[in-house]
Every structure is written in structure tokens, then in C-alpha cells.
Amino acid sequence: MKDGVRRLSSILLFTALAAQLAAGAQGVPPPHYRAFDAKGNAVTLQAIVASLGRADVLFVGETHDDAVAHLLEAELLRRADEAYGASSAEHRSVALSLEMFERDVQTVLDEYLAGLITERHFLLSSRPWRNYETDYRPLVEYAREHHLPVIAANAPARYVSRVSSNGPDSLKSLPQVAIKSWLPPLPFPPASEGYAAKFNRFMGGEGAAGATQASAHGGLHLLEAQTLRDASMAYSISEYLKRGRDPLVVQVNGTFHSEERMGVPEQLARYRKQARAVVVTIVPADSFPNFEAGLGRLGDFVIITDPAVKTGSGF
């Protein structure tokens, strides 16, 4: 019953967003989001997609319970594929990359995309996030329908936990199959000074969220554990960029992993220096629908959403 309600809610949200996008195309401001460049100039989603012509990666940072962000991600993926993918004049190799799946389930994900296993078996074997049905399934299903690769980019949580408790060197004791297949090359690069400072401020309790996050994860090596996730996602993207003709990766992750071009974008530059990235950060803002100057640092583009709309709610 609950799954049916969630799916109906998701359908209603997508229908509402489609109406918003149609209104935006006619010059009417959408009611639940506003898009800006880093200087605070209003832009359209199409302008964001147009900026990808010379990019290798589109980073889309989200707040995980932001329903509008999830809908916008699906729309950006669709528009990127239509503008640059196999059926376009560009004929680029477009792929979706997700924080929400870990590298050791890539085979299962590939089997589902190829139609070799049912969705039921895919979900039983891939450890999807709790909000997969409402928030990430539309991305995967679009990729499946349009034959786009999906990259399970994140480090397995069990290894992140091991680093959190015992430090990065503890990964050396893992079986070689795990080291070679499911992790970035060891030792993975450390966090930048700026990212480390930002992370430590956050974990030190800049607001209740920081304290709650620190308490939930525990361990002595929280920064290194976070950096393993960043490095894993960056390495997964870099490996895809080595393949295909002029590839374009749409990477979806939490805002902290890519805002201010820190985290995954920094790690990607270490694995593939020539990679060109566009960073979009989507945040629910109390100032909505107004842009605040401080938001400009978060990305090349910043989309602010109505904080009243959460996953599972209706417009």
C-alpha cells in the first residue's frame, strides 16, 4: 500500500514539474524552483544544458529529501541525452553516474539495464537507498529505456566503515579482488586543505546537522572515510571517461560531495586532469524564490527550490 502511494505521489510530482517546465518555456517563472548562474543571474534549464557542450561531467548536487531536486535531475538527464546523446547530432556517449549505488553491485545493475534480470531481483541484490522508488528509479528507468550506461560509483559502505574506524591503511588487508574491483587505486588521494577545513567545520557542529552526522557515523577517521567516497566516485567517472567517443557523464550526489567544486570534482582532477566539469548545486533555500549572494559560491549554477516540498509530499 505504501509503495503504491509513493509511486502515485511520484507520478503527480513529475506531472506537476512537466507543467512547470512548459510554463518556464513560455517565460512564466516556475513555482517551485529558480535557476541562477554563480553571479545570481536567472537562467533556464536549457542554458545549463547548453553549457555542457564543452564539458565532460555534469555534477548535480542534491539534498537527499528534496523532491524538486530529484525531478530536476531527471529532467537534466533527459535534456542532456537529447542534446548530446546517441540520437542527437553530437552523438556523444552519455552516461548516468550515481552516489546511490556502490561499485560492487555494478554487475547487477548492468544485468538489469540489459534486461537479463527482473527489477525485483535487481532491487534484492543492489542495496538501493530507501527512497529509491520515488527519487532515483526515474533516473535508472530513463537510462534503461534509452540504453544509457549507469555507473555504480560509490565505495561499498563496509569499506567506508572500515576506514572510519581503522584508517585508510586498513584497506590494504582486503582481498585483492576487492582492492582491484571495488575501490579506487590505493592509497587514495587525501582531501584538499580547503575540503578538510570545510568538513571539520561541518562535523564540529555548525548547526544541528553537523552534530547529528558526526554522532551517527562515529569513528576516528571520518574525513578519510568521506574522502574514500569522493575518490571512489571520481575514479569511477574517470574510468568511464576513458571509453567511448566524447563521453558525457551526469553525476548525481549529495551537495557536500561537489559544491564549491570540492570533493568529487577535486578528486576527478587528480585522476583525469583534463576533465572539464560543470557543477550544479540544488538547494532548498529559506530565501526562496530570491537568490542570496552567498549561494553563488556553490557551483557554476545554483538552483534553489521551495523548502516546503519534500519527498513523498505533493505540490
C-alpha atoms as a PDB file:
ATOM      1  CA  MET A   1       0.000   0.000   0.000  1.00  0.00           C
ATOM      2  CA  LYS A   2       2.736   2.416   0.976  1.00  0.00           C
ATOM      3  CA  ASP A   3       4.688   1.667  -2.225  1.00  0.00           C
ATOM      4  CA  GLY A   4       1.579   2.401  -4.273  1.00  0.00           C
ATOM      5  CA  VAL A   5       1.068   5.729  -2.520  1.00  0.00           C
ATOM      6  CA  ARG A   6       4.724   6.670  -3.023  1.00  0.00           C
ATOM      7  CA  ARG A   7       4.582   5.803  -6.722  1.00  0.00           C
ATOM      8  CA  LEU A   8       1.366   7.803  -7.189  1.00  0.00           C
ATOM      9  CA  SER A   9       2.965  10.739  -5.381  1.00  0.00           C
ATOM     10  CA  SER A  10       5.993  10.487  -7.658  1.00  0.00           C
ATOM     11  CA  ILE A  11       3.781  10.477 -10.760  1.00  0.00           C
ATOM     12  CA  LEU A  12       1.933  13.552  -9.522  1.00  0.00           C
ATOM     13  CA  LEU A  13       5.218  15.319  -8.838  1.00  0.00           C
ATOM     14  CA  PHE A  14       6.526  14.581 -12.327  1.00  0.00           C
ATOM     15  CA  THR A  15       3.261  15.767 -13.858  1.00  0.00           C
ATOM     16  CA  ALA A  16       3.489  18.988 -11.894  1.00  0.00           C
ATOM     17  CA  LEU A  17       7.116  19.519 -12.927  1.00  0.00           C
ATOM     18  CA  ALA A  18       6.248  18.978 -16.583  1.00  0.00           C
ATOM     19  CA  ALA A  19       3.682  21.740 -16.270  1.00  0.00           C
ATOM     20  CA  GLN A  20       6.277  23.972 -14.600  1.00  0.00           C
ATOM     21  CA  LEU A  21       8.791  23.350 -17.366  1.00  0.00           C
ATOM     22  CA  ALA A  22       6.213  24.121 -20.037  1.00  0.00           C
ATOM     23  CA  ALA A  23       5.351  27.346 -18.245  1.00  0.00           C
ATOM     24  CA  GLY A  24       9.044  28.217 -17.957  1.00  0.00           C
ATOM     25  CA  ALA A  25       9.489  27.760 -21.696  1.00  0.00           C
ATOM     26  CA  GLN A  26       6.816  30.423 -22.173  1.00  0.00           C
ATOM     27  CA  GLY A  27       8.587  32.854 -19.858  1.00  0.00           C
ATOM     28  CA  VAL A  28       6.483  32.115 -16.767  1.00  0.00           C
ATOM     29  CA  PRO A  29       8.638  31.580 -13.621  1.00  0.00           C
ATOM     30  CA  PRO A  30       8.224  28.011 -12.268  1.00  0.00           C
ATOM     31  CA  PRO A  31       6.565  27.987  -8.829  1.00  0.00           C
ATOM     32  CA  HIS A  32       8.856  25.537  -7.023  1.00  0.00           C
ATOM     33  CA  TYR A  33      12.374  26.258  -8.262  1.00  0.00           C
ATOM     34  CA  ARG A  34      14.556  29.046  -9.646  1.00  0.00           C
ATOM     35  CA  ALA A  35      17.835  28.583 -11.522  1.00  0.00           C
ATOM     36  CA  PHE A  36      20.731  31.058 -11.432  1.00  0.00           C
ATOM     37  CA  ASP A  37      24.322  31.351 -12.554  1.00  0.00           C
ATOM     38  CA  ALA A  38      27.040  31.974  -9.972  1.00  0.00           C
ATOM     39  CA  LYS A  39      26.509  35.730 -10.218  1.00  0.00           C
ATOM     40  CA  GLY A  40      22.838  35.473  -9.407  1.00  0.00           C
ATOM     41  CA  ASN A  41      21.528  35.985 -12.928  1.00  0.00           C
ATOM     42  CA  ALA A  42      18.382  33.989 -13.638  1.00  0.00           C
ATOM     43  CA  VAL A  43      18.911  31.196 -16.171  1.00  0.00           C
ATOM     44  CA  THR A  44      16.857  28.404 -17.700  1.00  0.00           C
ATOM     45  CA  LEU A  45      17.482  24.683 -17.523  1.00  0.00           C
ATOM     46  CA  GLN A  46      18.201  24.826 -21.225  1.00  0.00           C
ATOM     47  CA  ALA A  47      21.014  27.310 -20.596  1.00  0.00           C
ATOM     48  CA  ILE A  48      22.533  24.864 -18.126  1.00  0.00           C
ATOM     49  CA  VAL A  49      22.337  22.063 -20.691  1.00  0.00           C
ATOM     50  CA  ALA A  50      23.854  24.328 -23.364  1.00  0.00           C
ATOM     51  CA  SER A  51      26.887  24.850 -21.112  1.00  0.00           C
ATOM     52  CA  LEU A  52      27.667  21.123 -21.361  1.00  0.00           C
ATOM     53  CA  GLY A  53      28.844  21.408 -24.948  1.00  0.00           C
ATOM     54  CA  ARG A  54      32.451  21.618 -23.780  1.00  0.00           C
ATOM     55  CA  ALA A  55      32.084  19.612 -20.560  1.00  0.00           C
ATOM     56  CA  ASP A  56      32.895  16.005 -19.742  1.00  0.00           C
ATOM     57  CA  VAL A  57      30.927  15.806 -16.491  1.00  0.00           C
ATOM     58  CA  LEU A  58      27.799  17.448 -15.147  1.00  0.00           C
ATOM     59  CA  PHE A  59      27.834  17.274 -11.347  1.00  0.00           C
ATOM     60  CA  VAL A  60      24.362  17.619  -9.850  1.00  0.00           C
ATOM     61  CA  GLY A  61      24.429  18.070  -6.073  1.00  0.00           C
ATOM     62  CA  GLU A  62      21.211  17.387  -4.202  1.00  0.00           C
ATOM     63  CA  THR A  63      19.716  17.398  -0.738  1.00  0.00           C
ATOM     64  CA  HIS A  64      18.514  13.817  -0.436  1.00  0.00           C
ATOM     65  CA  ASP A  65      14.953  14.597   0.728  1.00  0.00           C
ATOM     66  CA  ASP A  66      14.366  17.396  -1.800  1.00  0.00           C
ATOM     67  CA  ALA A  67      11.611  16.139  -4.100  1.00  0.00           C
ATOM     68  CA  VAL A  68      12.005  19.005  -6.560  1.00  0.00           C
ATOM     69  CA  ALA A  69      15.744  18.294  -6.891  1.00  0.00           C
ATOM     70  CA  HIS A  70      15.045  14.687  -7.866  1.00  0.00           C
ATOM     71  CA  LEU A  71      12.622  15.783 -10.554  1.00  0.00           C
ATOM     72  CA  LEU A  72      15.106  18.323 -11.889  1.00  0.00           C
ATOM     73  CA  GLU A  73      17.822  15.660 -12.043  1.00  0.00           C
ATOM     74  CA  ALA A  74      15.618  13.510 -14.236  1.00  0.00           C
ATOM     75  CA  GLU A  75      14.870  16.493 -16.449  1.00  0.00           C
ATOM     76  CA  LEU A  76      18.534  17.463 -16.760  1.00  0.00           C
ATOM     77  CA  LEU A  77      19.453  13.877 -17.664  1.00  0.00           C
ATOM     78  CA  ARG A  78      16.755  13.767 -20.327  1.00  0.00           C
ATOM     79  CA  ARG A  79      17.746  17.089 -21.820  1.00  0.00           C
ATOM     80  CA  ALA A  80      21.452  16.233 -21.782  1.00  0.00           C
ATOM     81  CA  ASP A  81      20.746  12.956 -23.567  1.00  0.00           C
ATOM     82  CA  GLU A  82      18.514  14.617 -26.157  1.00  0.00           C
ATOM     83  CA  ALA A  83      21.033  17.404 -26.776  1.00  0.00           C
ATOM     84  CA  TYR A  84      24.229  15.333 -26.844  1.00  0.00           C
ATOM     85  CA  GLY A  85      23.404  11.616 -26.831  1.00  0.00           C
ATOM     86  CA  ALA A  86      23.433   8.926 -29.473  1.00  0.00           C
ATOM     87  CA  SER A  87      20.257  10.139 -31.177  1.00  0.00           C
ATOM     88  CA  SER A  88      21.447  13.755 -31.376  1.00  0.00           C
ATOM     89  CA  ALA A  89      23.703  15.453 -33.883  1.00  0.00           C
ATOM     90  CA  GLU A  90      26.508  15.334 -31.296  1.00  0.00           C
ATOM     91  CA  HIS A  91      26.487  11.512 -30.979  1.00  0.00           C
ATOM     92  CA  ARG A  92      28.193  11.606 -27.587  1.00  0.00           C
ATOM     93  CA  SER A  93      28.264   8.691 -25.152  1.00  0.00           C
ATOM     94  CA  VAL A  94      26.045   9.896 -22.300  1.00  0.00           C
ATOM     95  CA  ALA A  95      26.098   8.003 -19.005  1.00  0.00           C
ATOM     96  CA  LEU A  96      24.434   8.377 -15.622  1.00  0.00           C
ATOM     97  CA  SER A  97      26.625   8.055 -12.518  1.00  0.00           C
ATOM     98  CA  LEU A  98      25.120   7.670  -9.046  1.00  0.00           C
ATOM     99  CA  GLU A  99      26.338   8.018  -5.489  1.00  0.00           C
ATOM    100  CA  MET A 100      23.331   5.878  -4.565  1.00  0.00           C
ATOM    101  CA  PHE A 101      24.835   2.600  -5.832  1.00  0.00           C
ATOM    102  CA  GLU A 102      28.136   1.070  -4.748  1.00  0.00           C
ATOM    103  CA  ARG A 103      30.806  -0.278  -7.047  1.00  0.00           C
ATOM    104  CA  ASP A 104      30.363  -3.917  -6.037  1.00  0.00           C
ATOM    105  CA  VAL A 105      26.814  -4.004  -7.460  1.00  0.00           C
ATOM    106  CA  GLN A 106      27.821  -2.806 -10.941  1.00  0.00           C
ATOM    107  CA  THR A 107      27.290  -6.260 -12.447  1.00  0.00           C
ATOM    108  CA  VAL A 108      23.774  -6.473 -11.025  1.00  0.00           C
ATOM    109  CA  LEU A 109      22.981  -3.009 -12.337  1.00  0.00           C
ATOM    110  CA  ASP A 110      24.329  -3.914 -15.779  1.00  0.00           C
ATOM    111  CA  GLU A 111      22.258  -7.094 -15.840  1.00  0.00           C
ATOM    112  CA  TYR A 112      19.089  -5.154 -15.087  1.00  0.00           C
ATOM    113  CA  LEU A 113      19.801  -2.492 -17.694  1.00  0.00           C
ATOM    114  CA  ALA A 114      20.363  -5.238 -20.275  1.00  0.00           C
ATOM    115  CA  GLY A 115      17.049  -6.926 -19.427  1.00  0.00           C
ATOM    116  CA  LEU A 116      18.730 -10.064 -18.116  1.00  0.00           C
ATOM    117  CA  ILE A 117      17.108  -9.957 -14.671  1.00  0.00           C
ATOM    118  CA  THR A 118      13.827  -8.632 -13.314  1.00  0.00           C
ATOM    119  CA  GLU A 119      13.516  -5.416 -11.354  1.00  0.00           C
ATOM    120  CA  ARG A 120      12.621  -7.480  -8.293  1.00  0.00           C
ATOM    121  CA  HIS A 121      15.920  -9.360  -8.413  1.00  0.00           C
ATOM    122  CA  PHE A 122      17.787  -6.157  -9.210  1.00  0.00           C
ATOM    123  CA  LEU A 123      16.420  -4.481  -6.087  1.00  0.00           C
ATOM    124  CA  LEU A 124      17.039  -7.544  -3.923  1.00  0.00           C
ATOM    125  CA  SER A 125      20.694  -7.629  -4.958  1.00  0.00           C
ATOM    126  CA  SER A 126      21.719  -3.978  -5.356  1.00  0.00           C
ATOM    127  CA  ARG A 127      21.062  -2.467  -1.896  1.00  0.00           C
ATOM    128  CA  PRO A 128      19.077   0.542  -3.194  1.00  0.00           C
ATOM    129  CA  TRP A 129      18.536   3.532  -0.954  1.00  0.00           C
ATOM    130  CA  ARG A 130      15.271   3.620   0.976  1.00  0.00           C
ATOM    131  CA  ASN A 131      13.919   6.403  -1.250  1.00  0.00           C
ATOM    132  CA  TYR A 132      14.924   4.695  -4.498  1.00  0.00           C
ATOM    133  CA  GLU A 133      11.355   4.062  -5.629  1.00  0.00           C
ATOM    134  CA  THR A 134      10.260   7.699  -5.513  1.00  0.00           C
ATOM    135  CA  ASP A 135      13.501   9.544  -6.160  1.00  0.00           C
ATOM    136  CA  TYR A 136      16.090   7.573  -8.180  1.00  0.00           C
ATOM    137  CA  ARG A 137      14.094   4.956 -10.042  1.00  0.00           C
ATOM    138  CA  PRO A 138      13.027   7.511 -12.704  1.00  0.00           C
ATOM    139  CA  LEU A 139      16.709   8.159 -13.490  1.00  0.00           C
ATOM    140  CA  VAL A 140      17.563   4.465 -13.801  1.00  0.00           C
ATOM    141  CA  GLU A 141      14.429   3.700 -15.809  1.00  0.00           C
ATOM    142  CA  TYR A 142      15.167   6.537 -18.236  1.00  0.00           C
ATOM    143  CA  ALA A 143      18.682   5.158 -18.691  1.00  0.00           C
ATOM    144  CA  ARG A 144      17.307   1.656 -19.205  1.00  0.00           C
ATOM    145  CA  GLU A 145      14.758   2.772 -21.773  1.00  0.00           C
ATOM    146  CA  HIS A 146      17.276   4.855 -23.712  1.00  0.00           C
ATOM    147  CA  HIS A 147      20.201   2.414 -23.423  1.00  0.00           C
ATOM    148  CA  LEU A 148      22.427   4.678 -21.306  1.00  0.00           C
ATOM    149  CA  PRO A 149      25.111   3.155 -19.075  1.00  0.00           C
ATOM    150  CA  VAL A 150      24.630   3.669 -15.340  1.00  0.00           C
ATOM    151  CA  ILE A 151      27.734   3.834 -13.165  1.00  0.00           C
ATOM    152  CA  ALA A 152      27.527   2.468  -9.630  1.00  0.00           C
ATOM    153  CA  ALA A 153      30.075   4.966  -8.403  1.00  0.00           C
ATOM    154  CA  ASN A 154      30.283   4.875  -4.623  1.00  0.00           C
ATOM    155  CA  ALA A 155      32.641   2.909  -2.400  1.00  0.00           C
ATOM    156  CA  PRO A 156      30.992  -0.049  -0.631  1.00  0.00           C
ATOM    157  CA  ALA A 157      29.714   1.113   2.751  1.00  0.00           C
ATOM    158  CA  ARG A 158      31.502  -1.716   4.589  1.00  0.00           C
ATOM    159  CA  TYR A 159      34.858  -0.381   3.421  1.00  0.00           C
ATOM    160  CA  VAL A 160      33.927   3.206   4.241  1.00  0.00           C
ATOM    161  CA  SER A 161      33.066   1.987   7.738  1.00  0.00           C
ATOM    162  CA  ARG A 162      36.396   0.170   7.980  1.00  0.00           C
ATOM    163  CA  VAL A 163      38.278   3.347   7.091  1.00  0.00           C
ATOM    164  CA  SER A 164      36.196   5.349   9.559  1.00  0.00           C
ATOM    165  CA  SER A 165      37.171   3.011  12.391  1.00  0.00           C
ATOM    166  CA  ASN A 166      40.686   1.912  11.443  1.00  0.00           C
ATOM    167  CA  GLY A 167      42.064   4.405   8.920  1.00  0.00           C
ATOM    168  CA  PRO A 168      42.929   4.151   5.207  1.00  0.00           C
ATOM    169  CA  ASP A 169      45.789   1.681   5.704  1.00  0.00           C
ATOM    170  CA  SER A 170      43.266  -0.915   6.877  1.00  0.00           C
ATOM    171  CA  LEU A 171      42.101  -1.323   3.272  1.00  0.00           C
ATOM    172  CA  LYS A 172      45.402  -2.989   2.398  1.00  0.00           C
ATOM    173  CA  SER A 173      44.281  -6.119   4.265  1.00  0.00           C
ATOM    174  CA  LEU A 174      41.289  -6.666   1.989  1.00  0.00           C
ATOM    175  CA  PRO A 175      41.296  -9.408  -0.664  1.00  0.00           C
ATOM    176  CA  GLN A 176      42.868  -8.344  -3.941  1.00  0.00           C
ATOM    177  CA  VAL A 177      39.581  -8.763  -5.789  1.00  0.00           C
ATOM    178  CA  ALA A 178      38.049  -6.078  -3.558  1.00  0.00           C
ATOM    179  CA  ILE A 179      41.020  -3.755  -3.910  1.00  0.00           C
ATOM    180  CA  LYS A 180      41.205  -4.107  -7.686  1.00  0.00           C
ATOM    181  CA  SER A 181      37.493  -4.148  -8.484  1.00  0.00           C
ATOM    182  CA  TRP A 182      35.617  -2.106  -5.916  1.00  0.00           C
ATOM    183  CA  LEU A 183      37.975   0.620  -4.709  1.00  0.00           C
ATOM    184  CA  PRO A 184      39.981   3.440  -6.253  1.00  0.00           C
ATOM    185  CA  PRO A 185      43.724   2.770  -6.522  1.00  0.00           C
ATOM    186  CA  LEU A 186      45.322   2.652  -3.075  1.00  0.00           C
ATOM    187  CA  PRO A 187      46.381   4.759  -1.368  1.00  0.00           C
ATOM    188  CA  PHE A 188      43.547   7.019  -2.451  1.00  0.00           C
ATOM    189  CA  PRO A 189      44.357  10.761  -2.565  1.00  0.00           C
ATOM    190  CA  PRO A 190      43.815  12.765   0.631  1.00  0.00           C
ATOM    191  CA  ALA A 191      41.296  15.573   0.921  1.00  0.00           C
ATOM    192  CA  SER A 192      42.407  19.059  -0.076  1.00  0.00           C
ATOM    193  CA  GLU A 193      43.104  21.531   2.714  1.00  0.00           C
ATOM    194  CA  GLY A 194      40.011  23.534   1.846  1.00  0.00           C
ATOM    195  CA  TYR A 195      37.761  20.490   1.811  1.00  0.00           C
ATOM    196  CA  ALA A 196      39.226  19.195   5.072  1.00  0.00           C
ATOM    197  CA  ALA A 197      38.624  22.544   6.761  1.00  0.00           C
ATOM    198  CA  LYS A 198      35.060  22.666   5.493  1.00  0.00           C
ATOM    199  CA  PHE A 199      34.384  19.074   6.553  1.00  0.00           C
ATOM    200  CA  ASN A 200      35.790  19.631  10.027  1.00  0.00           C
ATOM    201  CA  ARG A 201      33.678  22.764  10.492  1.00  0.00           C
ATOM    202  CA  PHE A 202      30.602  20.812   9.492  1.00  0.00           C
ATOM    203  CA  MET A 203      31.355  17.842  11.732  1.00  0.00           C
ATOM    204  CA  GLY A 204      32.287  20.183  14.552  1.00  0.00           C
ATOM    205  CA  GLY A 205      28.671  21.203  14.832  1.00  0.00           C
ATOM    206  CA  GLU A 206      27.920  24.111  12.528  1.00  0.00           C
ATOM    207  CA  GLY A 207      24.251  23.615  13.275  1.00  0.00           C
ATOM    208  CA  ALA A 208      22.402  20.514  14.443  1.00  0.00           C
ATOM    209  CA  ALA A 209      23.044  18.708  11.149  1.00  0.00           C
ATOM    210  CA  GLY A 210      26.793  18.578  11.737  1.00  0.00           C
ATOM    211  CA  ALA A 211      26.453  17.199  15.238  1.00  0.00           C
ATOM    212  CA  THR A 212      23.873  14.638  14.189  1.00  0.00           C
ATOM    213  CA  GLN A 213      26.005  13.480  11.266  1.00  0.00           C
ATOM    214  CA  ALA A 214      29.096  13.089  13.449  1.00  0.00           C
ATOM    215  CA  SER A 215      27.175  11.149  16.079  1.00  0.00           C
ATOM    216  CA  ALA A 216      25.597   8.845  13.516  1.00  0.00           C
ATOM    217  CA  HIS A 217      28.857   7.792  11.876  1.00  0.00           C
ATOM    218  CA  GLY A 218      31.273   7.615  14.792  1.00  0.00           C
ATOM    219  CA  GLY A 219      34.884   6.504  14.279  1.00  0.00           C
ATOM    220  CA  LEU A 220      38.208   8.301  14.387  1.00  0.00           C
ATOM    221  CA  HIS A 221      38.809   8.804  10.678  1.00  0.00           C
ATOM    222  CA  LEU A 222      35.648  10.500   9.452  1.00  0.00           C
ATOM    223  CA  LEU A 223      37.387  12.756   6.957  1.00  0.00           C
ATOM    224  CA  GLU A 224      39.279   9.842   5.414  1.00  0.00           C
ATOM    225  CA  ALA A 225      36.058   7.837   5.152  1.00  0.00           C
ATOM    226  CA  GLN A 226      34.342  10.747   3.422  1.00  0.00           C
ATOM    227  CA  THR A 227      37.320  11.132   1.097  1.00  0.00           C
ATOM    228  CA  LEU A 228      37.144   7.450   0.159  1.00  0.00           C
ATOM    229  CA  ARG A 229      33.604   8.049  -1.083  1.00  0.00           C
ATOM    230  CA  ASP A 230      34.735  11.102  -3.075  1.00  0.00           C
ATOM    231  CA  ALA A 231      37.729   9.293  -4.545  1.00  0.00           C
ATOM    232  CA  SER A 232      35.635   6.253  -5.450  1.00  0.00           C
ATOM    233  CA  MET A 233      33.067   8.337  -7.305  1.00  0.00           C
ATOM    234  CA  ALA A 234      35.767  10.350  -9.065  1.00  0.00           C
ATOM    235  CA  TYR A 235      37.683   7.237 -10.100  1.00  0.00           C
ATOM    236  CA  SER A 236      34.503   5.579 -11.374  1.00  0.00           C
ATOM    237  CA  ILE A 237      33.788   8.633 -13.528  1.00  0.00           C
ATOM    238  CA  SER A 238      37.370   8.856 -14.754  1.00  0.00           C
ATOM    239  CA  GLU A 239      37.306   5.227 -15.867  1.00  0.00           C
ATOM    240  CA  TYR A 240      34.194   5.857 -17.940  1.00  0.00           C
ATOM    241  CA  LEU A 241      35.718   8.964 -19.499  1.00  0.00           C
ATOM    242  CA  LYS A 242      38.463   6.779 -20.955  1.00  0.00           C
ATOM    243  CA  ARG A 243      35.860   4.931 -23.022  1.00  0.00           C
ATOM    244  CA  GLY A 244      33.615   5.816 -25.885  1.00  0.00           C
ATOM    245  CA  ARG A 245      33.500   8.810 -28.166  1.00  0.00           C
ATOM    246  CA  ASP A 246      33.488  12.186 -26.422  1.00  0.00           C
ATOM    247  CA  PRO A 247      31.678  10.885 -23.316  1.00  0.00           C
ATOM    248  CA  LEU A 248      29.431  12.985 -21.087  1.00  0.00           C
ATOM    249  CA  VAL A 249      28.699  11.816 -17.545  1.00  0.00           C
ATOM    250  CA  VAL A 250      25.777  13.101 -15.487  1.00  0.00           C
ATOM    251  CA  GLN A 251      26.824  12.510 -11.877  1.00  0.00           C
ATOM    252  CA  VAL A 252      24.238  12.750  -9.079  1.00  0.00           C
ATOM    253  CA  ASN A 253      25.424  13.059  -5.483  1.00  0.00           C
ATOM    254  CA  GLY A 254      24.756  14.875  -2.239  1.00  0.00           C
ATOM    255  CA  THR A 255      25.620  18.569  -2.311  1.00  0.00           C
ATOM    256  CA  PHE A 256      28.612  18.259   0.023  1.00  0.00           C
ATOM    257  CA  HIS A 257      30.366  15.955  -2.451  1.00  0.00           C
ATOM    258  CA  SER A 258      30.530  18.580  -5.210  1.00  0.00           C
ATOM    259  CA  GLU A 259      29.541  22.068  -4.038  1.00  0.00           C
ATOM    260  CA  GLU A 260      32.214  24.770  -4.367  1.00  0.00           C
ATOM    261  CA  ARG A 261      33.880  22.341  -6.832  1.00  0.00           C
ATOM    262  CA  MET A 262      35.297  20.441  -3.850  1.00  0.00           C
ATOM    263  CA  GLY A 263      35.142  16.749  -3.059  1.00  0.00           C
ATOM    264  CA  VAL A 264      34.494  14.639  -6.153  1.00  0.00           C
ATOM    265  CA  PRO A 265      35.444  17.358  -8.696  1.00  0.00           C
ATOM    266  CA  GLU A 266      38.792  17.835  -6.918  1.00  0.00           C
ATOM    267  CA  GLN A 267      39.424  14.106  -6.865  1.00  0.00           C
ATOM    268  CA  LEU A 268      38.460  13.788 -10.530  1.00  0.00           C
ATOM    269  CA  ALA A 269      41.124  16.347 -11.417  1.00  0.00           C
ATOM    270  CA  ARG A 270      43.688  14.062  -9.767  1.00  0.00           C
ATOM    271  CA  TYR A 271      42.655  11.043 -11.818  1.00  0.00           C
ATOM    272  CA  ARG A 272      41.995  12.895 -15.068  1.00  0.00           C
ATOM    273  CA  LYS A 273      43.482  16.384 -15.174  1.00  0.00           C
ATOM    274  CA  GLN A 274      41.920  17.333 -18.496  1.00  0.00           C
ATOM    275  CA  ALA A 275      38.361  16.547 -17.427  1.00  0.00           C
ATOM    276  CA  ARG A 276      36.035  19.542 -17.776  1.00  0.00           C
ATOM    277  CA  ALA A 277      33.203  19.814 -15.284  1.00  0.00           C
ATOM    278  CA  VAL A 278      30.053  21.861 -14.798  1.00  0.00           C
ATOM    279  CA  VAL A 279      28.779  21.931 -11.205  1.00  0.00           C
ATOM    280  CA  VAL A 280      25.085  22.441 -10.480  1.00  0.00           C
ATOM    281  CA  THR A 281      24.032  22.636  -6.840  1.00  0.00           C
ATOM    282  CA  ILE A 282      20.354  22.280  -5.987  1.00  0.00           C
ATOM    283  CA  VAL A 283      19.395  23.510  -2.524  1.00  0.00           C
ATOM    284  CA  PRO A 284      16.132  24.158  -0.717  1.00  0.00           C
ATOM    285  CA  ALA A 285      16.528  27.775   0.433  1.00  0.00           C
ATOM    286  CA  ASP A 286      14.613  29.710   3.063  1.00  0.00           C
ATOM    287  CA  SER A 287      15.129  32.735   0.840  1.00  0.00           C
ATOM    288  CA  PHE A 288      13.146  31.065  -1.973  1.00  0.00           C
ATOM    289  CA  PRO A 289      12.371  32.407  -4.542  1.00  0.00           C
ATOM    290  CA  ASN A 290      15.075  35.033  -4.007  1.00  0.00           C
ATOM    291  CA  PHE A 291      18.774  34.430  -4.676  1.00  0.00           C
ATOM    292  CA  GLU A 292      21.227  35.260  -1.868  1.00  0.00           C
ATOM    293  CA  ALA A 293      24.764  36.314  -2.816  1.00  0.00           C
ATOM    294  CA  GLY A 294      26.395  33.618  -0.675  1.00  0.00           C
ATOM    295  CA  LEU A 295      24.790  30.894  -2.746  1.00  0.00           C
ATOM    296  CA  GLY A 296      26.911  31.798  -5.771  1.00  0.00           C
ATOM    297  CA  ARG A 297      29.964  30.005  -4.415  1.00  0.00           C
ATOM    298  CA  LEU A 298      28.170  26.656  -4.510  1.00  0.00           C
ATOM    299  CA  GLY A 299      28.508  25.978  -8.223  1.00  0.00           C
ATOM    300  CA  ASP A 300      28.598  27.188 -11.791  1.00  0.00           C
ATOM    301  CA  PHE A 301      24.816  27.141 -11.492  1.00  0.00           C
ATOM    302  CA  VAL A 302      22.638  27.122  -8.387  1.00  0.00           C
ATOM    303  CA  ILE A 303      19.030  26.016  -8.382  1.00  0.00           C
ATOM    304  CA  ILE A 304      17.059  26.973  -5.303  1.00  0.00           C
ATOM    305  CA  THR A 305      13.921  25.012  -4.504  1.00  0.00           C
ATOM    306  CA  ASP A 306      10.886  25.529  -2.335  1.00  0.00           C
ATOM    307  CA  PRO A 307      11.825  24.017   1.068  1.00  0.00           C
ATOM    308  CA  ALA A 308       8.166  23.202   1.729  1.00  0.00           C
ATOM    309  CA  VAL A 309       8.239  20.412  -0.881  1.00  0.00           C
ATOM    310  CA  LYS A 310       9.754  17.201   0.457  1.00  0.00           C
ATOM    311  CA  THR A 311       9.975  13.655  -0.851  1.00  0.00           C
ATOM    312  CA  GLY A 312       6.609  11.963  -0.631  1.00  0.00           C
ATOM    313  CA  SER A 313       4.659  15.220  -0.476  1.00  0.00           C
ATOM    314  CA  GLY A 314       2.515  16.781  -3.155  1.00  0.00           C
ATOM    315  CA  PHE A 315       2.708  20.229  -4.666  1.00  0.00           C
END
